[in-house]
Amino acid sequence: MTVKEVRTNDIIPIITKALFIPKKSLQCFDKNNLTISRYVNEYELILFEQPGGYFVVNGKKYPILGNDIRLYKPGDFVYSFRFYDVYVIHFRIGDGICKNSELDSLPTYIANADYEKIREFIKNLIQANLNNNIIAQNCHFWNVINELKACRSMAAPRNSSDLIVEKVKKYLENNYGRAVTLKNLGNALWLHPNYIHNVFSKKEGMTPAEYLFQIRISHSKELLLNQNMTVEQIALACGFCNSSYFIRKFKEKYQISPKEYRRKVTTVTYGQF
């Protein structure tokens, strides 16, 4: 099989598939909910809309964490575990099986990308493809490619562990006022709770529960500046099970009670305390 190298300036994009596929319509799974393993013979740009499942490229497993952008390249061996809504663009860059060194230098996971911007380009490309508008299709294609290439000049790509930590932090920061468990995290990220705990602890030097406590206690200090809220109300608003527990943990952290802190900040600034 002959593979032709195509220079970037000579790329003639040929869109062979351009569509949005909701998870409920996917029919290509076996009894274990896995897609058929296959070799990729053209470039495939995949945008996973929601977390859930995983995919495997050349033997390396990647969790799908939501708002993920992946680029499969000719020769990649891939399969995935379902549970995702996905935008799919398949394209060739010339006649026959062709490759481009600049596209091949991009990572499988496109880090630092503006997901919303790329999704909008992809949606426009899909519409142009449906309308058989070649000029608009090519324009949106290059918008996508140039955006992906720009990502390469930014910070180093994050690995899957970094992404998991990022997702955990975002979840905890958005839900600190509620009862949060490792099971909640596991359900939200579609990953095993123990795996999340181990990855987060190794990366951050603290457990998810300890990180959650830091968020809660920090927000409690901000709310104590509000004279209209009682200590009991603040404890519940920050996710502490009761005010007694909140008071005890606050004193352990700052060697002062919440009420004493509230009085003190009238004469000592927040930054100095």
C-alpha atoms as a PDB file:
ATOM      1  CA  MET A   1       0.000   0.000   0.000  1.00  0.00           C
ATOM      2  CA  THR A   2       1.500   3.328  -1.081  1.00  0.00           C
ATOM      3  CA  VAL A   3       1.076   6.329   1.191  1.00  0.00           C
ATOM      4  CA  LYS A   4       1.652   9.710  -0.396  1.00  0.00           C
ATOM      5  CA  GLU A   5       3.002  12.679   1.585  1.00  0.00           C
ATOM      6  CA  VAL A   6       1.094  15.879   0.837  1.00  0.00           C
ATOM      7  CA  ARG A   7       2.451  19.316   1.670  1.00  0.00           C
ATOM      8  CA  THR A   8       0.133  21.565   3.681  1.00  0.00           C
ATOM      9  CA  ASN A   9      -0.150  24.096   0.854  1.00  0.00           C
ATOM     10  CA  ASP A  10      -1.170  21.302  -1.541  1.00  0.00           C
ATOM     11  CA  ILE A  11      -3.940  19.837   0.611  1.00  0.00           C
ATOM     12  CA  ILE A  12      -7.207  19.388  -1.234  1.00  0.00           C
ATOM     13  CA  PRO A  13      -9.721  18.465   1.494  1.00  0.00           C
ATOM     14  CA  ILE A  14     -12.173  15.728   0.574  1.00  0.00           C
ATOM     15  CA  ILE A  15     -14.905  15.433   3.202  1.00  0.00           C
ATOM     16  CA  THR A  16     -16.140  11.837   3.298  1.00  0.00           C
ATOM     17  CA  LYS A  17     -18.294  12.128   6.422  1.00  0.00           C
ATOM     18  CA  ALA A  18     -19.621  15.162   8.255  1.00  0.00           C
ATOM     19  CA  LEU A  19     -22.413  14.768  10.784  1.00  0.00           C
ATOM     20  CA  PHE A  20     -23.568  14.847  14.401  1.00  0.00           C
ATOM     21  CA  ILE A  21     -24.355  11.440  15.895  1.00  0.00           C
ATOM     22  CA  PRO A  22     -26.383  11.239  19.146  1.00  0.00           C
ATOM     23  CA  LYS A  23     -25.531   8.277  21.339  1.00  0.00           C
ATOM     24  CA  LYS A  24     -29.064   6.893  21.131  1.00  0.00           C
ATOM     25  CA  SER A  25     -28.702   6.382  17.378  1.00  0.00           C
ATOM     26  CA  LEU A  26     -25.362   4.580  17.443  1.00  0.00           C
ATOM     27  CA  GLN A  27     -25.801   0.997  16.297  1.00  0.00           C
ATOM     28  CA  CYS A  28     -22.220  -0.208  15.761  1.00  0.00           C
ATOM     29  CA  PHE A  29     -21.605  -1.847  19.141  1.00  0.00           C
ATOM     30  CA  ASP A  30     -20.996  -5.425  20.173  1.00  0.00           C
ATOM     31  CA  LYS A  31     -22.402  -7.156  23.267  1.00  0.00           C
ATOM     32  CA  ASN A  32     -19.831  -5.368  25.471  1.00  0.00           C
ATOM     33  CA  ASN A  33     -20.829  -1.940  24.137  1.00  0.00           C
ATOM     34  CA  LEU A  34     -17.561  -1.626  22.237  1.00  0.00           C
ATOM     35  CA  THR A  35     -17.220  -0.331  18.703  1.00  0.00           C
ATOM     36  CA  ILE A  36     -15.615  -2.637  16.181  1.00  0.00           C
ATOM     37  CA  SER A  37     -11.832  -2.251  16.340  1.00  0.00           C
ATOM     38  CA  ARG A  38     -10.420  -0.936  13.086  1.00  0.00           C
ATOM     39  CA  TYR A  39      -7.522   0.748  11.350  1.00  0.00           C
ATOM     40  CA  VAL A  40      -8.105   4.353  10.324  1.00  0.00           C
ATOM     41  CA  ASN A  41      -7.432   5.070   6.651  1.00  0.00           C
ATOM     42  CA  GLU A  42      -8.197   8.795   6.604  1.00  0.00           C
ATOM     43  CA  TYR A  43      -8.113  11.658   9.086  1.00  0.00           C
ATOM     44  CA  GLU A  44     -10.992  11.730  11.569  1.00  0.00           C
ATOM     45  CA  LEU A  45     -11.803  14.697  13.783  1.00  0.00           C
ATOM     46  CA  ILE A  46     -14.032  13.719  16.713  1.00  0.00           C
ATOM     47  CA  LEU A  47     -15.746  16.077  19.162  1.00  0.00           C
ATOM     48  CA  PHE A  48     -17.221  14.310  22.202  1.00  0.00           C
ATOM     49  CA  GLU A  49     -20.019  16.440  23.636  1.00  0.00           C
ATOM     50  CA  GLN A  50     -20.527  14.652  26.955  1.00  0.00           C
ATOM     51  CA  PRO A  51     -18.491  12.578  29.410  1.00  0.00           C
ATOM     52  CA  GLY A  52     -18.883   8.835  29.383  1.00  0.00           C
ATOM     53  CA  GLY A  53     -16.960   5.803  28.257  1.00  0.00           C
ATOM     54  CA  TYR A  54     -13.496   5.765  26.748  1.00  0.00           C
ATOM     55  CA  PHE A  55     -11.644   5.228  23.511  1.00  0.00           C
ATOM     56  CA  VAL A  56      -8.427   3.382  22.689  1.00  0.00           C
ATOM     57  CA  VAL A  57      -5.845   4.494  20.125  1.00  0.00           C
ATOM     58  CA  ASN A  58      -2.891   2.234  19.344  1.00  0.00           C
ATOM     59  CA  GLY A  59      -3.346   0.404  22.642  1.00  0.00           C
ATOM     60  CA  LYS A  60      -3.553   3.562  24.814  1.00  0.00           C
ATOM     61  CA  LYS A  61      -6.805   4.113  26.708  1.00  0.00           C
ATOM     62  CA  TYR A  62      -8.280   7.615  27.103  1.00  0.00           C
ATOM     63  CA  PRO A  63     -11.337   8.459  29.257  1.00  0.00           C
ATOM     64  CA  ILE A  64     -13.968  10.627  27.580  1.00  0.00           C
ATOM     65  CA  LEU A  65     -14.450  13.568  29.929  1.00  0.00           C
ATOM     66  CA  GLY A  66     -16.720  15.769  27.822  1.00  0.00           C
ATOM     67  CA  ASN A  67     -15.830  18.601  25.421  1.00  0.00           C
ATOM     68  CA  ASP A  68     -12.976  16.426  24.172  1.00  0.00           C
ATOM     69  CA  ILE A  69     -11.359  16.967  20.773  1.00  0.00           C
ATOM     70  CA  ARG A  70      -9.565  14.000  19.222  1.00  0.00           C
ATOM     71  CA  LEU A  71      -7.766  13.553  15.942  1.00  0.00           C
ATOM     72  CA  TYR A  72      -7.353  10.066  14.480  1.00  0.00           C
ATOM     73  CA  LYS A  73      -4.742   9.703  11.739  1.00  0.00           C
ATOM     74  CA  PRO A  74      -4.239   7.201   8.903  1.00  0.00           C
ATOM     75  CA  GLY A  75      -2.787   4.014  10.352  1.00  0.00           C
ATOM     76  CA  ASP A  76      -4.199   4.449  13.881  1.00  0.00           C
ATOM     77  CA  PHE A  77      -5.842   1.361  15.400  1.00  0.00           C
ATOM     78  CA  VAL A  78      -8.942   2.465  17.320  1.00  0.00           C
ATOM     79  CA  TYR A  79     -12.048   1.362  19.165  1.00  0.00           C
ATOM     80  CA  SER A  80     -14.191   2.877  21.915  1.00  0.00           C
ATOM     81  CA  PHE A  81     -16.717   2.166  24.646  1.00  0.00           C
ATOM     82  CA  ARG A  82     -19.983   3.887  23.890  1.00  0.00           C
ATOM     83  CA  PHE A  83     -21.986   6.539  25.744  1.00  0.00           C
ATOM     84  CA  TYR A  84     -21.373   9.790  23.997  1.00  0.00           C
ATOM     85  CA  ASP A  85     -22.887  12.339  21.632  1.00  0.00           C
ATOM     86  CA  VAL A  86     -20.339  13.113  18.971  1.00  0.00           C
ATOM     87  CA  TYR A  87     -19.528  15.360  16.025  1.00  0.00           C
ATOM     88  CA  VAL A  88     -17.626  13.478  13.329  1.00  0.00           C
ATOM     89  CA  ILE A  89     -15.606  14.797  10.399  1.00  0.00           C
ATOM     90  CA  HIS A  90     -13.758  12.324   8.170  1.00  0.00           C
ATOM     91  CA  PHE A  91     -11.509  13.826   5.539  1.00  0.00           C
ATOM     92  CA  ARG A  92      -8.828  12.909   3.032  1.00  0.00           C
ATOM     93  CA  ILE A  93      -6.184  15.364   1.872  1.00  0.00           C
ATOM     94  CA  GLY A  94      -5.706  14.080  -1.652  1.00  0.00           C
ATOM     95  CA  ASP A  95      -6.367  11.171  -3.985  1.00  0.00           C
ATOM     96  CA  GLY A  96      -5.711   7.772  -2.435  1.00  0.00           C
ATOM     97  CA  ILE A  97      -4.170   7.319   0.995  1.00  0.00           C
ATOM     98  CA  CYS A  98      -2.317  10.528   1.812  1.00  0.00           C
ATOM     99  CA  LYS A  99      -0.672  11.912   4.921  1.00  0.00           C
ATOM    100  CA  ASN A 100       0.610  15.292   6.000  1.00  0.00           C
ATOM    101  CA  SER A 101       3.484  15.667   8.478  1.00  0.00           C
ATOM    102  CA  GLU A 102       2.006  18.821  10.020  1.00  0.00           C
ATOM    103  CA  LEU A 103      -1.323  17.130  10.754  1.00  0.00           C
ATOM    104  CA  ASP A 104       0.490  14.018  11.979  1.00  0.00           C
ATOM    105  CA  SER A 105       2.464  16.132  14.469  1.00  0.00           C
ATOM    106  CA  LEU A 106      -0.753  17.091  16.263  1.00  0.00           C
ATOM    107  CA  PRO A 107      -1.514  14.954  19.334  1.00  0.00           C
ATOM    108  CA  THR A 108      -4.418  12.508  19.467  1.00  0.00           C
ATOM    109  CA  TYR A 109      -5.934  14.718  22.153  1.00  0.00           C
ATOM    110  CA  ILE A 110      -6.014  18.361  21.091  1.00  0.00           C
ATOM    111  CA  ALA A 111      -5.046  20.286  24.201  1.00  0.00           C
ATOM    112  CA  ASN A 112      -5.683  23.978  24.916  1.00  0.00           C
ATOM    113  CA  ALA A 113      -8.325  24.179  22.209  1.00  0.00           C
ATOM    114  CA  ASP A 114     -11.312  26.510  22.260  1.00  0.00           C
ATOM    115  CA  TYR A 115     -13.969  23.803  22.117  1.00  0.00           C
ATOM    116  CA  GLU A 116     -16.897  26.146  21.481  1.00  0.00           C
ATOM    117  CA  LYS A 117     -15.131  27.851  18.594  1.00  0.00           C
ATOM    118  CA  ILE A 118     -14.133  24.570  16.957  1.00  0.00           C
ATOM    119  CA  ARG A 119     -17.607  23.133  17.443  1.00  0.00           C
ATOM    120  CA  GLU A 120     -19.096  26.158  15.671  1.00  0.00           C
ATOM    121  CA  PHE A 121     -16.671  25.687  12.752  1.00  0.00           C
ATOM    122  CA  ILE A 122     -17.582  21.984  12.635  1.00  0.00           C
ATOM    123  CA  LYS A 123     -21.331  22.727  12.634  1.00  0.00           C
ATOM    124  CA  ASN A 124     -20.855  25.203   9.787  1.00  0.00           C
ATOM    125  CA  LEU A 125     -18.759  22.665   7.884  1.00  0.00           C
ATOM    126  CA  ILE A 126     -21.446  20.018   8.302  1.00  0.00           C
ATOM    127  CA  GLN A 127     -24.106  22.407   7.023  1.00  0.00           C
ATOM    128  CA  ALA A 128     -21.959  23.415   4.044  1.00  0.00           C
ATOM    129  CA  ASN A 129     -21.390  19.736   3.276  1.00  0.00           C
ATOM    130  CA  LEU A 130     -25.131  19.049   3.386  1.00  0.00           C
ATOM    131  CA  ASN A 131     -25.715  22.003   1.049  1.00  0.00           C
ATOM    132  CA  ASN A 132     -22.914  20.827  -1.263  1.00  0.00           C
ATOM    133  CA  ASN A 133     -21.321  24.273  -0.908  1.00  0.00           C
ATOM    134  CA  ILE A 134     -17.693  23.417  -1.650  1.00  0.00           C
ATOM    135  CA  ILE A 135     -16.361  26.949  -1.163  1.00  0.00           C
ATOM    136  CA  ALA A 136     -17.952  27.361   2.285  1.00  0.00           C
ATOM    137  CA  GLN A 137     -16.971  23.791   3.192  1.00  0.00           C
ATOM    138  CA  ASN A 138     -13.306  24.434   2.413  1.00  0.00           C
ATOM    139  CA  CYS A 139     -13.391  27.738   4.285  1.00  0.00           C
ATOM    140  CA  HIS A 140     -14.732  26.109   7.450  1.00  0.00           C
ATOM    141  CA  PHE A 141     -12.337  23.187   7.020  1.00  0.00           C
ATOM    142  CA  TRP A 142      -9.335  25.512   7.101  1.00  0.00           C
ATOM    143  CA  ASN A 143     -10.821  27.407  10.046  1.00  0.00           C
ATOM    144  CA  VAL A 144     -10.797  24.122  11.959  1.00  0.00           C
ATOM    145  CA  ILE A 145      -7.293  23.096  10.849  1.00  0.00           C
ATOM    146  CA  ASN A 146      -5.796  26.507  11.633  1.00  0.00           C
ATOM    147  CA  GLU A 147      -7.390  26.468  15.077  1.00  0.00           C
ATOM    148  CA  LEU A 148      -5.935  23.029  15.789  1.00  0.00           C
ATOM    149  CA  LYS A 149      -2.502  24.092  14.547  1.00  0.00           C
ATOM    150  CA  ALA A 150      -2.614  27.156  16.806  1.00  0.00           C
ATOM    151  CA  CYS A 151      -3.090  24.864  19.806  1.00  0.00           C
ATOM    152  CA  ARG A 152       0.276  23.250  19.112  1.00  0.00           C
ATOM    153  CA  SER A 153       2.116  26.527  19.781  1.00  0.00           C
ATOM    154  CA  MET A 154       0.501  26.923  23.186  1.00  0.00           C
ATOM    155  CA  ALA A 155       1.230  25.128  26.439  1.00  0.00           C
ATOM    156  CA  ALA A 156       2.249  21.477  26.473  1.00  0.00           C
ATOM    157  CA  PRO A 157      -0.648  19.024  26.052  1.00  0.00           C
ATOM    158  CA  ARG A 158      -2.348  17.776  29.194  1.00  0.00           C
ATOM    159  CA  ASN A 159      -2.544  14.078  29.788  1.00  0.00           C
ATOM    160  CA  SER A 160      -5.653  12.219  30.896  1.00  0.00           C
ATOM    161  CA  SER A 161      -4.704  12.504  34.596  1.00  0.00           C
ATOM    162  CA  ASP A 162      -4.515  16.295  34.293  1.00  0.00           C
ATOM    163  CA  LEU A 163      -7.945  16.336  32.679  1.00  0.00           C
ATOM    164  CA  ILE A 164      -9.435  14.182  35.427  1.00  0.00           C
ATOM    165  CA  VAL A 165      -8.037  16.516  38.093  1.00  0.00           C
ATOM    166  CA  GLU A 166      -9.425  19.501  36.205  1.00  0.00           C
ATOM    167  CA  LYS A 167     -12.879  17.910  35.961  1.00  0.00           C
ATOM    168  CA  VAL A 168     -12.869  16.960  39.670  1.00  0.00           C
ATOM    169  CA  LYS A 169     -11.969  20.501  40.699  1.00  0.00           C
ATOM    170  CA  LYS A 170     -14.674  21.970  38.495  1.00  0.00           C
ATOM    171  CA  TYR A 171     -17.276  19.578  39.885  1.00  0.00           C
ATOM    172  CA  LEU A 172     -16.314  20.292  43.507  1.00  0.00           C
ATOM    173  CA  GLU A 173     -16.250  24.041  42.960  1.00  0.00           C
ATOM    174  CA  ASN A 174     -19.742  23.896  41.444  1.00  0.00           C
ATOM    175  CA  ASN A 175     -21.203  21.564  44.083  1.00  0.00           C
ATOM    176  CA  TYR A 176     -19.450  22.409  47.366  1.00  0.00           C
ATOM    177  CA  GLY A 177     -22.763  23.434  48.940  1.00  0.00           C
ATOM    178  CA  ARG A 178     -24.179  19.927  48.524  1.00  0.00           C
ATOM    179  CA  ALA A 179     -23.378  16.532  49.985  1.00  0.00           C
ATOM    180  CA  VAL A 180     -20.555  15.225  47.781  1.00  0.00           C
ATOM    181  CA  THR A 181     -19.182  11.681  47.748  1.00  0.00           C
ATOM    182  CA  LEU A 182     -16.676   9.792  45.648  1.00  0.00           C
ATOM    183  CA  LYS A 183     -19.644   7.951  44.164  1.00  0.00           C
ATOM    184  CA  ASN A 184     -21.073  11.297  43.010  1.00  0.00           C
ATOM    185  CA  LEU A 185     -17.759  12.092  41.358  1.00  0.00           C
ATOM    186  CA  GLY A 186     -17.621   8.690  39.737  1.00  0.00           C
ATOM    187  CA  ASN A 187     -21.124   9.084  38.321  1.00  0.00           C
ATOM    188  CA  ALA A 188     -20.363  12.594  37.054  1.00  0.00           C
ATOM    189  CA  LEU A 189     -17.114  11.619  35.332  1.00  0.00           C
ATOM    190  CA  TRP A 190     -18.084   8.069  34.337  1.00  0.00           C
ATOM    191  CA  LEU A 191     -14.987   6.744  36.088  1.00  0.00           C
ATOM    192  CA  HIS A 192     -14.484   4.400  39.031  1.00  0.00           C
ATOM    193  CA  PRO A 193     -14.458   6.378  42.344  1.00  0.00           C
ATOM    194  CA  ASN A 194     -11.265   4.707  43.561  1.00  0.00           C
ATOM    195  CA  TYR A 195      -9.514   5.571  40.303  1.00  0.00           C
ATOM    196  CA  ILE A 196     -10.542   9.221  40.677  1.00  0.00           C
ATOM    197  CA  HIS A 197      -9.341   9.239  44.292  1.00  0.00           C
ATOM    198  CA  ASN A 198      -5.953   7.768  43.397  1.00  0.00           C
ATOM    199  CA  VAL A 199      -5.331  10.017  40.378  1.00  0.00           C
ATOM    200  CA  PHE A 200      -6.370  13.188  42.190  1.00  0.00           C
ATOM    201  CA  SER A 201      -4.397  12.389  45.349  1.00  0.00           C
ATOM    202  CA  LYS A 202      -1.251  11.620  43.388  1.00  0.00           C
ATOM    203  CA  LYS A 203      -1.475  14.784  41.292  1.00  0.00           C
ATOM    204  CA  GLU A 204      -2.580  17.240  43.983  1.00  0.00           C
ATOM    205  CA  GLY A 205      -1.018  15.826  47.165  1.00  0.00           C
ATOM    206  CA  MET A 206      -4.432  15.811  48.825  1.00  0.00           C
ATOM    207  CA  THR A 207      -7.617  13.777  48.487  1.00  0.00           C
ATOM    208  CA  PRO A 208     -10.760  15.103  46.760  1.00  0.00           C
ATOM    209  CA  ALA A 209     -12.361  15.356  50.230  1.00  0.00           C
ATOM    210  CA  GLU A 210      -9.492  17.508  51.483  1.00  0.00           C
ATOM    211  CA  TYR A 211      -9.725  19.732  48.418  1.00  0.00           C
ATOM    212  CA  LEU A 212     -13.480  20.045  48.956  1.00  0.00           C
ATOM    213  CA  PHE A 213     -12.873  21.102  52.555  1.00  0.00           C
ATOM    214  CA  GLN A 214     -10.497  23.844  51.384  1.00  0.00           C
ATOM    215  CA  ILE A 215     -13.194  25.160  49.037  1.00  0.00           C
ATOM    216  CA  ARG A 216     -15.864  25.105  51.739  1.00  0.00           C
ATOM    217  CA  ILE A 217     -13.778  26.747  54.425  1.00  0.00           C
ATOM    218  CA  SER A 218     -12.607  29.443  52.002  1.00  0.00           C
ATOM    219  CA  HIS A 219     -16.189  30.265  50.993  1.00  0.00           C
ATOM    220  CA  SER A 220     -17.231  30.325  54.632  1.00  0.00           C
ATOM    221  CA  LYS A 221     -14.720  33.108  55.314  1.00  0.00           C
ATOM    222  CA  GLU A 222     -16.227  35.151  52.513  1.00  0.00           C
ATOM    223  CA  LEU A 223     -19.765  34.607  53.804  1.00  0.00           C
ATOM    224  CA  LEU A 224     -18.781  35.588  57.338  1.00  0.00           C
ATOM    225  CA  LEU A 225     -18.323  39.102  55.992  1.00  0.00           C
ATOM    226  CA  ASN A 226     -22.091  39.094  55.388  1.00  0.00           C
ATOM    227  CA  GLN A 227     -23.603  40.258  58.679  1.00  0.00           C
ATOM    228  CA  ASN A 228     -27.076  39.140  57.567  1.00  0.00           C
ATOM    229  CA  MET A 229     -26.204  35.428  57.631  1.00  0.00           C
ATOM    230  CA  THR A 230     -25.958  33.425  60.827  1.00  0.00           C
ATOM    231  CA  VAL A 231     -23.140  30.986  61.432  1.00  0.00           C
ATOM    232  CA  GLU A 232     -25.654  28.163  61.100  1.00  0.00           C
ATOM    233  CA  GLN A 233     -26.808  29.439  57.697  1.00  0.00           C
ATOM    234  CA  ILE A 234     -23.226  29.808  56.499  1.00  0.00           C
ATOM    235  CA  ALA A 235     -22.346  26.275  57.609  1.00  0.00           C
ATOM    236  CA  LEU A 236     -25.223  24.800  55.606  1.00  0.00           C
ATOM    237  CA  ALA A 237     -24.607  27.055  52.588  1.00  0.00           C
ATOM    238  CA  CYS A 238     -21.004  25.824  52.410  1.00  0.00           C
ATOM    239  CA  GLY A 239     -21.942  22.161  52.619  1.00  0.00           C
ATOM    240  CA  PHE A 240     -21.024  21.425  56.242  1.00  0.00           C
ATOM    241  CA  CYS A 241     -23.342  18.884  57.827  1.00  0.00           C
ATOM    242  CA  ASN A 242     -24.092  21.124  60.844  1.00  0.00           C
ATOM    243  CA  SER A 243     -22.866  24.278  62.531  1.00  0.00           C
ATOM    244  CA  SER A 244     -21.066  22.457  65.363  1.00  0.00           C
ATOM    245  CA  TYR A 245     -18.886  20.583  62.901  1.00  0.00           C
ATOM    246  CA  PHE A 246     -18.257  23.787  60.941  1.00  0.00           C
ATOM    247  CA  ILE A 247     -17.237  25.716  64.058  1.00  0.00           C
ATOM    248  CA  ARG A 248     -14.880  22.950  65.162  1.00  0.00           C
ATOM    249  CA  LYS A 249     -13.182  22.666  61.767  1.00  0.00           C
ATOM    250  CA  PHE A 250     -12.947  26.451  61.397  1.00  0.00           C
ATOM    251  CA  LYS A 251     -11.195  26.730  64.778  1.00  0.00           C
ATOM    252  CA  GLU A 252      -8.825  23.900  63.847  1.00  0.00           C
ATOM    253  CA  LYS A 253      -7.939  25.711  60.631  1.00  0.00           C
ATOM    254  CA  TYR A 254      -7.634  29.292  61.868  1.00  0.00           C
ATOM    255  CA  GLN A 255      -7.317  29.020  65.693  1.00  0.00           C
ATOM    256  CA  ILE A 256     -10.314  31.301  66.054  1.00  0.00           C
ATOM    257  CA  SER A 257     -14.075  30.749  66.013  1.00  0.00           C
ATOM    258  CA  PRO A 258     -16.243  31.952  63.112  1.00  0.00           C
ATOM    259  CA  LYS A 259     -17.921  34.568  65.336  1.00  0.00           C
ATOM    260  CA  GLU A 260     -14.572  35.823  66.599  1.00  0.00           C
ATOM    261  CA  TYR A 261     -13.315  35.982  63.033  1.00  0.00           C
ATOM    262  CA  ARG A 262     -16.392  37.971  62.014  1.00  0.00           C
ATOM    263  CA  ARG A 263     -15.723  40.498  64.780  1.00  0.00           C
ATOM    264  CA  LYS A 264     -12.037  40.700  64.002  1.00  0.00           C
ATOM    265  CA  VAL A 265     -12.422  41.468  60.319  1.00  0.00           C
ATOM    266  CA  THR A 266     -14.061  44.762  61.220  1.00  0.00           C
ATOM    267  CA  THR A 267     -10.617  45.961  62.294  1.00  0.00           C
ATOM    268  CA  VAL A 268      -8.272  43.557  60.460  1.00  0.00           C
ATOM    269  CA  THR A 269      -8.472  43.296  56.695  1.00  0.00           C
ATOM    270  CA  TYR A 270      -9.147  39.962  55.008  1.00  0.00           C
ATOM    271  CA  GLY A 271      -5.755  40.010  53.349  1.00  0.00           C
ATOM    272  CA  GLN A 272      -3.873  40.443  56.636  1.00  0.00           C
ATOM    273  CA  PHE A 273      -5.633  37.704  58.538  1.00  0.00           C
END
